[in-house]
Amino acid sequence: MASPHDRLNDPAREEQVRMIRLRLRADLTAYRLGYTPLTRQEALDLIERTRAEVLELFPGKEDVFELVLRPRFLRILNERALAEWGVADALN
């Protein structure tokens, strides 16, 4: 029978915890991009900080960030730009 200590060091559990942390970080970033007052540069800096945090959790997964999360964040940012800042800002 596995002890509680064994369950804490289980690689599958560690992966699950990292995935939960990734999901929370991505959701928080998406919320901040959509609903908090940020300049475009502040928003881009937030995306880069989130990228660094994601790569700490999953080293070597830059391509996944670029294919999945960055487009999500930029879409939110551009939708907000269209709604609040005007079309010209969204295109730049």
N, C-alpha and C. Protein backbone atom coordinates (compact mmCIF):
# COMPACT_ATOMS: atom_id res chain seq x y z
N MET A 1 0.84 -1.19 0.00
CA MET A 1 0.00 0.00 0.00
C MET A 1 0.89 1.25 0.00
N ALA A 2 0.52 2.21 -0.80
CA ALA A 2 1.31 3.44 -0.93
C ALA A 2 1.06 4.35 0.27
N SER A 3 2.13 4.93 0.74
CA SER A 3 2.01 5.86 1.86
C SER A 3 1.65 7.25 1.32
N PRO A 4 1.19 8.15 2.19
CA PRO A 4 0.89 9.52 1.75
C PRO A 4 2.12 10.19 1.14
N HIS A 5 3.30 9.88 1.64
CA HIS A 5 4.53 10.45 1.09
C HIS A 5 4.74 10.01 -0.36
N ASP A 6 4.44 8.76 -0.66
CA ASP A 6 4.58 8.26 -2.03
C ASP A 6 3.64 8.99 -2.99
N ARG A 7 2.44 9.27 -2.53
CA ARG A 7 1.48 9.96 -3.39
C ARG A 7 1.93 11.39 -3.69
N LEU A 8 2.60 12.03 -2.74
CA LEU A 8 3.09 13.39 -2.95
C LEU A 8 4.21 13.43 -3.98
N ASN A 9 4.98 12.37 -4.08
CA ASN A 9 6.11 12.33 -5.01
C ASN A 9 5.79 11.61 -6.32
N ASP A 10 4.53 11.28 -6.52
CA ASP A 10 4.10 10.59 -7.72
C ASP A 10 4.26 11.52 -8.93
N PRO A 11 5.00 11.10 -9.96
CA PRO A 11 5.20 11.97 -11.14
C PRO A 11 3.89 12.38 -11.81
N ALA A 12 2.91 11.49 -11.83
CA ALA A 12 1.63 11.85 -12.45
C ALA A 12 0.95 12.95 -11.65
N ARG A 13 1.04 12.88 -10.34
CA ARG A 13 0.44 13.92 -9.50
C ARG A 13 1.18 15.24 -9.67
N GLU A 14 2.50 15.20 -9.75
CA GLU A 14 3.27 16.42 -9.98
C GLU A 14 2.89 17.06 -11.31
N GLU A 15 2.71 16.25 -12.33
CA GLU A 15 2.29 16.76 -13.64
C GLU A 15 0.90 17.41 -13.54
N GLN A 16 0.02 16.77 -12.81
CA GLN A 16 -1.33 17.30 -12.64
C GLN A 16 -1.29 18.65 -11.92
N VAL A 17 -0.48 18.77 -10.90
CA VAL A 17 -0.36 20.04 -10.17
C VAL A 17 0.21 21.12 -11.09
N ARG A 18 1.20 20.78 -11.89
CA ARG A 18 1.76 21.77 -12.83
C ARG A 18 0.72 22.20 -13.85
N MET A 19 -0.11 21.26 -14.31
CA MET A 19 -1.17 21.60 -15.27
C MET A 19 -2.20 22.54 -14.64
N ILE A 20 -2.53 22.29 -13.39
CA ILE A 20 -3.47 23.18 -12.70
C ILE A 20 -2.87 24.57 -12.57
N ARG A 21 -1.60 24.65 -12.20
CA ARG A 21 -0.94 25.95 -12.09
C ARG A 21 -0.91 26.66 -13.45
N LEU A 22 -0.64 25.92 -14.52
CA LEU A 22 -0.64 26.48 -15.87
C LEU A 22 -2.02 27.04 -16.21
N ARG A 23 -3.05 26.26 -15.96
CA ARG A 23 -4.41 26.69 -16.27
C ARG A 23 -4.77 27.95 -15.49
N LEU A 24 -4.43 27.98 -14.22
CA LEU A 24 -4.72 29.16 -13.41
C LEU A 24 -3.98 30.40 -13.91
N ARG A 25 -2.70 30.24 -14.25
CA ARG A 25 -1.90 31.36 -14.75
C ARG A 25 -2.47 31.87 -16.07
N ALA A 26 -2.83 30.94 -16.96
CA ALA A 26 -3.38 31.34 -18.26
C ALA A 26 -4.72 32.05 -18.09
N ASP A 27 -5.56 31.54 -17.21
CA ASP A 27 -6.87 32.17 -16.99
C ASP A 27 -6.72 33.54 -16.35
N LEU A 28 -5.81 33.67 -15.40
CA LEU A 28 -5.58 34.96 -14.75
C LEU A 28 -5.05 35.98 -15.76
N THR A 29 -4.13 35.56 -16.61
CA THR A 29 -3.60 36.46 -17.64
C THR A 29 -4.70 36.88 -18.60
N ALA A 30 -5.52 35.93 -19.02
CA ALA A 30 -6.62 36.25 -19.93
C ALA A 30 -7.57 37.25 -19.29
N TYR A 31 -7.88 37.05 -18.02
CA TYR A 31 -8.77 37.98 -17.31
C TYR A 31 -8.15 39.37 -17.26
N ARG A 32 -6.88 39.44 -16.86
CA ARG A 32 -6.22 40.75 -16.74
C ARG A 32 -6.17 41.45 -18.08
N LEU A 33 -5.90 40.71 -19.16
CA LEU A 33 -5.85 41.32 -20.49
C LEU A 33 -7.21 41.87 -20.89
N GLY A 34 -8.25 41.19 -20.49
CA GLY A 34 -9.58 41.60 -20.91
C GLY A 34 -10.25 42.64 -20.05
N TYR A 35 -9.88 42.70 -18.77
CA TYR A 35 -10.68 43.49 -17.86
C TYR A 35 -9.94 44.48 -16.96
N THR A 36 -8.63 44.48 -16.96
CA THR A 36 -7.94 45.45 -16.11
C THR A 36 -7.33 46.54 -16.96
N PRO A 37 -7.21 47.75 -16.42
CA PRO A 37 -6.64 48.85 -17.20
C PRO A 37 -5.14 48.61 -17.45
N LEU A 38 -4.80 48.43 -18.71
CA LEU A 38 -3.41 48.22 -19.12
C LEU A 38 -3.16 48.97 -20.41
N THR A 39 -1.95 49.51 -20.54
CA THR A 39 -1.55 50.00 -21.86
C THR A 39 -1.22 48.79 -22.71
N ARG A 40 -1.10 48.99 -24.00
CA ARG A 40 -0.74 47.87 -24.87
C ARG A 40 0.62 47.30 -24.47
N GLN A 41 1.58 48.15 -24.13
CA GLN A 41 2.90 47.67 -23.73
C GLN A 41 2.84 46.87 -22.43
N GLU A 42 2.05 47.35 -21.48
CA GLU A 42 1.88 46.60 -20.23
C GLU A 42 1.27 45.23 -20.50
N ALA A 43 0.32 45.18 -21.41
CA ALA A 43 -0.32 43.91 -21.76
C ALA A 43 0.69 42.96 -22.41
N LEU A 44 1.51 43.49 -23.32
CA LEU A 44 2.53 42.64 -23.96
C LEU A 44 3.56 42.16 -22.94
N ASP A 45 3.91 43.03 -21.99
CA ASP A 45 4.83 42.62 -20.92
C ASP A 45 4.22 41.52 -20.06
N LEU A 46 2.93 41.63 -19.79
CA LEU A 46 2.23 40.59 -19.02
C LEU A 46 2.29 39.25 -19.75
N ILE A 47 2.09 39.29 -21.05
CA ILE A 47 2.16 38.05 -21.84
C ILE A 47 3.55 37.45 -21.74
N GLU A 48 4.58 38.27 -21.81
CA GLU A 48 5.95 37.75 -21.71
C GLU A 48 6.26 37.19 -20.32
N ARG A 49 5.76 37.85 -19.29
CA ARG A 49 5.95 37.31 -17.92
C ARG A 49 5.24 35.98 -17.78
N THR A 50 4.05 35.88 -18.34
CA THR A 50 3.31 34.62 -18.29
C THR A 50 4.07 33.53 -19.05
N ARG A 51 4.64 33.89 -20.19
CA ARG A 51 5.44 32.93 -20.96
C ARG A 51 6.59 32.39 -20.11
N ALA A 52 7.29 33.28 -19.42
CA ALA A 52 8.41 32.86 -18.58
C ALA A 52 7.93 31.92 -17.47
N GLU A 53 6.80 32.22 -16.86
CA GLU A 53 6.26 31.37 -15.80
C GLU A 53 5.86 30.00 -16.34
N VAL A 54 5.25 29.99 -17.52
CA VAL A 54 4.84 28.72 -18.13
C VAL A 54 6.07 27.88 -18.45
N LEU A 55 7.12 28.52 -18.94
CA LEU A 55 8.33 27.76 -19.29
C LEU A 55 9.08 27.28 -18.05
N GLU A 56 8.88 27.93 -16.91
CA GLU A 56 9.42 27.39 -15.66
C GLU A 56 8.71 26.10 -15.30
N LEU A 57 7.40 26.07 -15.53
CA LEU A 57 6.62 24.86 -15.23
C LEU A 57 6.90 23.75 -16.22
N PHE A 58 7.07 24.12 -17.49
CA PHE A 58 7.26 23.15 -18.57
C PHE A 58 8.41 23.58 -19.47
N PRO A 59 9.64 23.37 -19.01
CA PRO A 59 10.80 23.77 -19.81
C PRO A 59 10.79 23.09 -21.19
N GLY A 60 11.21 23.87 -22.19
CA GLY A 60 11.30 23.33 -23.54
C GLY A 60 10.00 23.31 -24.31
N LYS A 61 8.95 23.89 -23.76
CA LYS A 61 7.64 23.87 -24.42
C LYS A 61 7.28 25.23 -25.02
N GLU A 62 8.30 25.95 -25.50
CA GLU A 62 8.05 27.26 -26.10
C GLU A 62 7.08 27.17 -27.26
N ASP A 63 7.23 26.12 -28.08
CA ASP A 63 6.37 25.98 -29.25
C ASP A 63 4.90 25.83 -28.87
N VAL A 64 4.64 25.14 -27.76
CA VAL A 64 3.25 24.99 -27.31
C VAL A 64 2.70 26.34 -26.87
N PHE A 65 3.50 27.11 -26.14
CA PHE A 65 3.05 28.45 -25.73
C PHE A 65 2.73 29.29 -26.96
N GLU A 66 3.64 29.26 -27.95
CA GLU A 66 3.46 30.09 -29.15
C GLU A 66 2.26 29.65 -29.99
N LEU A 67 1.94 28.37 -29.97
CA LEU A 67 0.82 27.86 -30.77
C LEU A 67 -0.52 27.94 -30.07
N VAL A 68 -0.53 27.89 -28.75
CA VAL A 68 -1.79 27.80 -28.02
C VAL A 68 -2.09 29.07 -27.22
N LEU A 69 -1.18 29.45 -26.34
CA LEU A 69 -1.50 30.54 -25.41
C LEU A 69 -1.30 31.93 -26.00
N ARG A 70 -0.17 32.16 -26.69
CA ARG A 70 0.04 33.52 -27.23
C ARG A 70 -1.11 33.94 -28.16
N PRO A 71 -1.57 33.09 -29.08
CA PRO A 71 -2.70 33.52 -29.92
C PRO A 71 -3.96 33.83 -29.11
N ARG A 72 -4.20 33.05 -28.05
CA ARG A 72 -5.36 33.33 -27.19
C ARG A 72 -5.22 34.71 -26.55
N PHE A 73 -4.04 35.00 -26.00
CA PHE A 73 -3.83 36.28 -25.34
C PHE A 73 -3.91 37.44 -26.33
N LEU A 74 -3.32 37.29 -27.50
CA LEU A 74 -3.35 38.36 -28.49
C LEU A 74 -4.76 38.60 -29.03
N ARG A 75 -5.54 37.53 -29.15
CA ARG A 75 -6.93 37.68 -29.59
C ARG A 75 -7.71 38.51 -28.57
N ILE A 76 -7.54 38.20 -27.29
CA ILE A 76 -8.21 38.96 -26.24
C ILE A 76 -7.77 40.42 -26.30
N LEU A 77 -6.48 40.63 -26.42
CA LEU A 77 -5.94 41.98 -26.48
C LEU A 77 -6.48 42.75 -27.68
N ASN A 78 -6.54 42.11 -28.83
CA ASN A 78 -7.04 42.78 -30.03
C ASN A 78 -8.54 43.04 -29.96
N GLU A 79 -9.29 42.11 -29.37
CA GLU A 79 -10.73 42.34 -29.21
C GLU A 79 -10.97 43.54 -28.29
N ARG A 80 -10.19 43.63 -27.25
CA ARG A 80 -10.31 44.77 -26.34
C ARG A 80 -9.91 46.06 -27.03
N ALA A 81 -8.85 46.00 -27.82
CA ALA A 81 -8.40 47.18 -28.54
C ALA A 81 -9.48 47.68 -29.48
N LEU A 82 -10.13 46.76 -30.17
CA LEU A 82 -11.20 47.16 -31.08
C LEU A 82 -12.35 47.82 -30.32
N ALA A 83 -12.67 47.27 -29.16
CA ALA A 83 -13.80 47.78 -28.39
C ALA A 83 -13.48 49.09 -27.68
N GLU A 84 -12.25 49.23 -27.16
CA GLU A 84 -11.96 50.37 -26.29
C GLU A 84 -11.01 51.39 -26.88
N TRP A 85 -10.03 50.94 -27.60
CA TRP A 85 -8.95 51.85 -28.00
C TRP A 85 -9.05 52.30 -29.44
N GLY A 86 -9.94 51.73 -30.21
CA GLY A 86 -10.09 52.11 -31.62
C GLY A 86 -9.40 51.14 -32.54
N VAL A 87 -9.84 51.12 -33.75
CA VAL A 87 -9.35 50.16 -34.74
C VAL A 87 -7.87 50.31 -35.00
N ALA A 88 -7.35 51.51 -35.08
CA ALA A 88 -5.93 51.71 -35.42
C ALA A 88 -5.02 51.03 -34.41
N ASP A 89 -5.34 51.11 -33.12
CA ASP A 89 -4.50 50.47 -32.12
C ASP A 89 -4.54 48.96 -32.22
N ALA A 90 -5.66 48.40 -32.60
CA ALA A 90 -5.78 46.96 -32.69
C ALA A 90 -4.92 46.41 -33.84
N LEU A 91 -4.75 47.19 -34.87
CA LEU A 91 -4.01 46.72 -36.02
C LEU A 91 -2.51 46.87 -35.86
N ASN A 92 -2.06 47.68 -34.92
CA ASN A 92 -0.63 47.93 -34.72
C ASN A 92 -0.04 46.99 -33.72
